[in-house]
């Protein structure tokens, strides 16, 4: 699957929008920021990260988890 990372500014709030394509049989997605597990998303294929510092650099990847414990990864910066 693929990951799209989009920096945004909504009013005075900086945020990063992560969108990914669904992975077959995925039951949840783990979102990693700078190689550390940041959040687990249990529904949908989007996460908006508002805890960002303008001008800072972040690396994200998403790992799909299925009921059998299998994984699939997608990367983005």
N, C-alpha and C. Protein backbone atom coordinates (compact mmCIF):
# COMPACT_ATOMS: atom_id res chain seq x y z
N UNK A 1 0.84 -1.18 0.00
CA UNK A 1 0.00 0.00 0.00
C UNK A 1 0.88 1.24 0.00
N UNK A 2 0.29 2.39 -0.23
CA UNK A 2 1.08 3.62 -0.33
C UNK A 2 0.66 4.64 0.71
N UNK A 3 1.58 5.53 1.05
CA UNK A 3 1.37 6.58 2.04
C UNK A 3 1.64 7.93 1.40
N UNK A 4 0.74 8.89 1.63
CA UNK A 4 0.92 10.27 1.19
C UNK A 4 0.97 11.15 2.43
N UNK A 5 2.00 11.98 2.53
CA UNK A 5 2.18 12.87 3.68
C UNK A 5 2.10 14.31 3.16
N UNK A 6 1.16 15.10 3.72
CA UNK A 6 0.94 16.46 3.25
C UNK A 6 1.00 17.45 4.41
N UNK A 7 1.99 18.38 4.41
CA UNK A 7 2.00 19.43 5.43
C UNK A 7 0.92 20.46 5.11
N UNK A 8 0.23 20.95 6.14
CA UNK A 8 -0.86 21.90 5.96
C UNK A 8 -0.82 22.96 7.05
N UNK A 9 -1.42 24.09 6.74
CA UNK A 9 -1.62 25.15 7.73
C UNK A 9 -3.09 25.54 7.67
N UNK A 10 -3.80 25.31 8.76
CA UNK A 10 -5.22 25.65 8.86
C UNK A 10 -5.32 26.79 9.87
N UNK A 11 -5.51 28.01 9.37
CA UNK A 11 -5.49 29.17 10.25
C UNK A 11 -4.10 29.31 10.84
N UNK A 12 -4.00 29.22 12.15
CA UNK A 12 -2.69 29.30 12.82
C UNK A 12 -2.19 27.93 13.26
N UNK A 13 -2.88 26.86 12.86
CA UNK A 13 -2.51 25.51 13.26
C UNK A 13 -1.75 24.81 12.15
N UNK A 14 -0.53 24.40 12.44
CA UNK A 14 0.24 23.58 11.50
C UNK A 14 -0.10 22.12 11.76
N UNK A 15 -0.23 21.36 10.69
CA UNK A 15 -0.54 19.94 10.85
C UNK A 15 0.03 19.17 9.67
N UNK A 16 0.09 17.86 9.85
CA UNK A 16 0.53 16.97 8.78
C UNK A 16 -0.56 15.92 8.59
N UNK A 17 -1.04 15.85 7.35
CA UNK A 17 -2.10 14.90 7.00
C UNK A 17 -1.47 13.66 6.38
N UNK A 18 -1.77 12.51 6.94
CA UNK A 18 -1.30 11.24 6.41
C UNK A 18 -2.50 10.49 5.83
N UNK A 19 -2.39 10.10 4.58
CA UNK A 19 -3.40 9.28 3.92
C UNK A 19 -2.71 8.06 3.34
N UNK A 20 -3.32 6.91 3.49
CA UNK A 20 -2.75 5.70 2.92
C UNK A 20 -3.85 4.87 2.29
N UNK A 21 -3.46 4.03 1.35
CA UNK A 21 -4.42 3.12 0.74
C UNK A 21 -4.63 1.95 1.69
N UNK A 22 -5.83 1.41 1.64
CA UNK A 22 -6.15 0.27 2.51
C UNK A 22 -5.31 -0.94 2.12
N UNK A 23 -4.89 -1.67 3.13
CA UNK A 23 -4.16 -2.90 2.92
C UNK A 23 -5.13 -4.07 3.10
N UNK A 24 -5.07 -5.04 2.22
CA UNK A 24 -5.98 -6.18 2.26
C UNK A 24 -5.95 -6.85 3.63
N UNK A 25 -7.12 -7.04 4.22
CA UNK A 25 -7.31 -7.73 5.51
C UNK A 25 -6.76 -6.97 6.72
N UNK A 26 -6.38 -5.71 6.57
CA UNK A 26 -5.86 -4.96 7.72
C UNK A 26 -6.99 -4.68 8.71
N UNK A 27 -6.67 -4.85 9.99
CA UNK A 27 -7.64 -4.54 11.05
C UNK A 27 -7.26 -3.27 11.80
N UNK A 28 -6.00 -2.84 11.66
CA UNK A 28 -5.54 -1.58 12.25
C UNK A 28 -4.26 -1.15 11.55
N UNK A 29 -3.87 0.10 11.81
CA UNK A 29 -2.65 0.65 11.23
C UNK A 29 -1.86 1.34 12.34
N UNK A 30 -0.58 1.02 12.43
CA UNK A 30 0.30 1.68 13.38
C UNK A 30 1.02 2.81 12.64
N UNK A 31 0.94 4.03 13.19
CA UNK A 31 1.61 5.18 12.60
C UNK A 31 2.87 5.45 13.41
N UNK A 32 4.01 5.44 12.74
CA UNK A 32 5.30 5.71 13.37
C UNK A 32 5.79 7.08 12.93
N UNK A 33 6.29 7.87 13.88
CA UNK A 33 6.91 9.16 13.57
C UNK A 33 8.34 9.11 14.08
N UNK A 34 9.30 9.39 13.18
CA UNK A 34 10.72 9.34 13.52
C UNK A 34 11.08 8.00 14.17
N UNK A 35 10.55 6.90 13.58
CA UNK A 35 10.84 5.52 13.99
C UNK A 35 10.30 5.12 15.35
N UNK A 36 9.36 5.90 15.90
CA UNK A 36 8.75 5.56 17.19
C UNK A 36 7.24 5.44 16.99
N UNK A 37 6.64 4.37 17.52
CA UNK A 37 5.19 4.20 17.41
C UNK A 37 4.51 5.42 17.99
N UNK A 38 3.68 6.07 17.18
CA UNK A 38 3.04 7.33 17.58
C UNK A 38 1.58 7.11 17.95
N UNK A 39 0.85 6.36 17.11
CA UNK A 39 -0.57 6.11 17.37
C UNK A 39 -1.00 4.88 16.58
N UNK A 40 -2.03 4.20 17.06
CA UNK A 40 -2.65 3.10 16.33
C UNK A 40 -4.02 3.57 15.86
N UNK A 41 -4.26 3.45 14.57
CA UNK A 41 -5.54 3.84 13.97
C UNK A 41 -6.34 2.58 13.70
N UNK A 42 -7.55 2.49 14.29
CA UNK A 42 -8.34 1.27 14.16
C UNK A 42 -9.45 1.38 13.13
N UNK A 43 -9.67 2.57 12.60
CA UNK A 43 -10.66 2.72 11.53
C UNK A 43 -10.23 3.81 10.58
N UNK A 44 -10.44 3.59 9.31
CA UNK A 44 -10.09 4.57 8.30
C UNK A 44 -8.65 4.46 7.84
N UNK A 45 -8.31 5.31 6.88
CA UNK A 45 -6.98 5.31 6.29
C UNK A 45 -6.41 6.72 6.27
N UNK A 46 -6.65 7.46 7.35
CA UNK A 46 -6.15 8.83 7.46
C UNK A 46 -5.85 9.16 8.92
N UNK A 47 -4.82 9.97 9.13
CA UNK A 47 -4.53 10.51 10.44
C UNK A 47 -4.01 11.93 10.25
N UNK A 48 -4.49 12.87 11.06
CA UNK A 48 -4.02 14.25 11.01
C UNK A 48 -3.24 14.51 12.29
N UNK A 49 -1.95 14.79 12.11
CA UNK A 49 -1.05 15.04 13.24
C UNK A 49 -0.94 16.54 13.45
N UNK A 50 -1.50 17.05 14.56
CA UNK A 50 -1.44 18.48 14.86
C UNK A 50 -0.33 18.81 15.84
N UNK A 51 0.33 17.80 16.39
CA UNK A 51 1.42 18.02 17.35
C UNK A 51 2.74 18.13 16.57
N UNK A 52 2.85 19.20 15.79
CA UNK A 52 4.04 19.41 14.97
C UNK A 52 4.59 20.81 15.23
N UNK A 53 5.88 20.97 14.99
CA UNK A 53 6.56 22.25 15.12
C UNK A 53 6.86 22.78 13.72
N UNK A 54 6.38 23.99 13.39
CA UNK A 54 6.67 24.53 12.06
C UNK A 54 8.18 24.56 11.80
N UNK A 55 8.58 24.10 10.62
CA UNK A 55 9.98 24.07 10.23
C UNK A 55 10.71 22.80 10.63
N UNK A 56 10.12 21.99 11.49
CA UNK A 56 10.75 20.73 11.91
C UNK A 56 10.56 19.68 10.82
N UNK A 57 11.42 18.68 10.83
CA UNK A 57 11.35 17.60 9.86
C UNK A 57 10.90 16.32 10.56
N UNK A 58 9.95 15.63 9.96
CA UNK A 58 9.42 14.39 10.52
C UNK A 58 9.45 13.31 9.43
N UNK A 59 9.70 12.08 9.85
CA UNK A 59 9.62 10.93 8.97
C UNK A 59 8.52 10.03 9.50
N UNK A 60 7.63 9.62 8.61
CA UNK A 60 6.50 8.78 9.01
C UNK A 60 6.54 7.46 8.24
N UNK A 61 6.04 6.43 8.88
CA UNK A 61 5.68 5.22 8.15
C UNK A 61 4.48 4.60 8.84
N UNK A 62 3.71 3.89 8.06
CA UNK A 62 2.49 3.24 8.54
C UNK A 62 2.64 1.75 8.34
N UNK A 63 2.27 1.01 9.35
CA UNK A 63 2.33 -0.44 9.28
C UNK A 63 0.92 -0.99 9.44
N UNK A 64 0.48 -1.76 8.45
CA UNK A 64 -0.83 -2.40 8.51
C UNK A 64 -0.72 -3.69 9.31
N UNK A 65 -1.71 -3.92 10.17
CA UNK A 65 -1.74 -5.13 11.00
C UNK A 65 -3.01 -5.90 10.65
N UNK A 66 -2.90 -7.21 10.46
CA UNK A 66 -4.10 -8.01 10.23
C UNK A 66 -4.34 -8.93 11.42
N UNK A 67 -5.45 -9.64 11.41
CA UNK A 67 -5.82 -10.47 12.56
C UNK A 67 -4.85 -11.59 12.85
N UNK A 68 -4.10 -12.02 11.83
CA UNK A 68 -3.11 -13.10 12.02
C UNK A 68 -1.78 -12.56 12.50
N UNK A 69 -1.66 -11.24 12.69
CA UNK A 69 -0.41 -10.65 13.15
C UNK A 69 0.54 -10.27 12.03
N UNK A 70 0.12 -10.46 10.78
CA UNK A 70 0.95 -10.07 9.63
C UNK A 70 1.03 -8.57 9.49
N UNK A 71 2.06 -8.09 8.80
CA UNK A 71 2.26 -6.66 8.63
C UNK A 71 2.59 -6.32 7.19
N UNK A 72 2.39 -5.03 6.87
CA UNK A 72 2.75 -4.46 5.57
C UNK A 72 3.08 -2.99 5.84
N UNK A 73 4.17 -2.45 5.27
CA UNK A 73 4.62 -1.09 5.58
C UNK A 73 4.53 -0.16 4.39
N UNK A 74 4.34 1.17 4.71
CA UNK A 74 4.41 2.25 3.72
C UNK A 74 5.16 3.40 4.37
N UNK A 75 6.05 4.07 3.61
CA UNK A 75 6.90 5.15 4.14
C UNK A 75 6.56 6.50 3.54
N UNK A 76 6.88 7.58 4.29
CA UNK A 76 6.71 8.94 3.79
C UNK A 76 7.43 9.95 4.66
N UNK A 77 7.77 11.11 4.08
CA UNK A 77 8.40 12.19 4.86
C UNK A 77 7.67 13.49 4.61
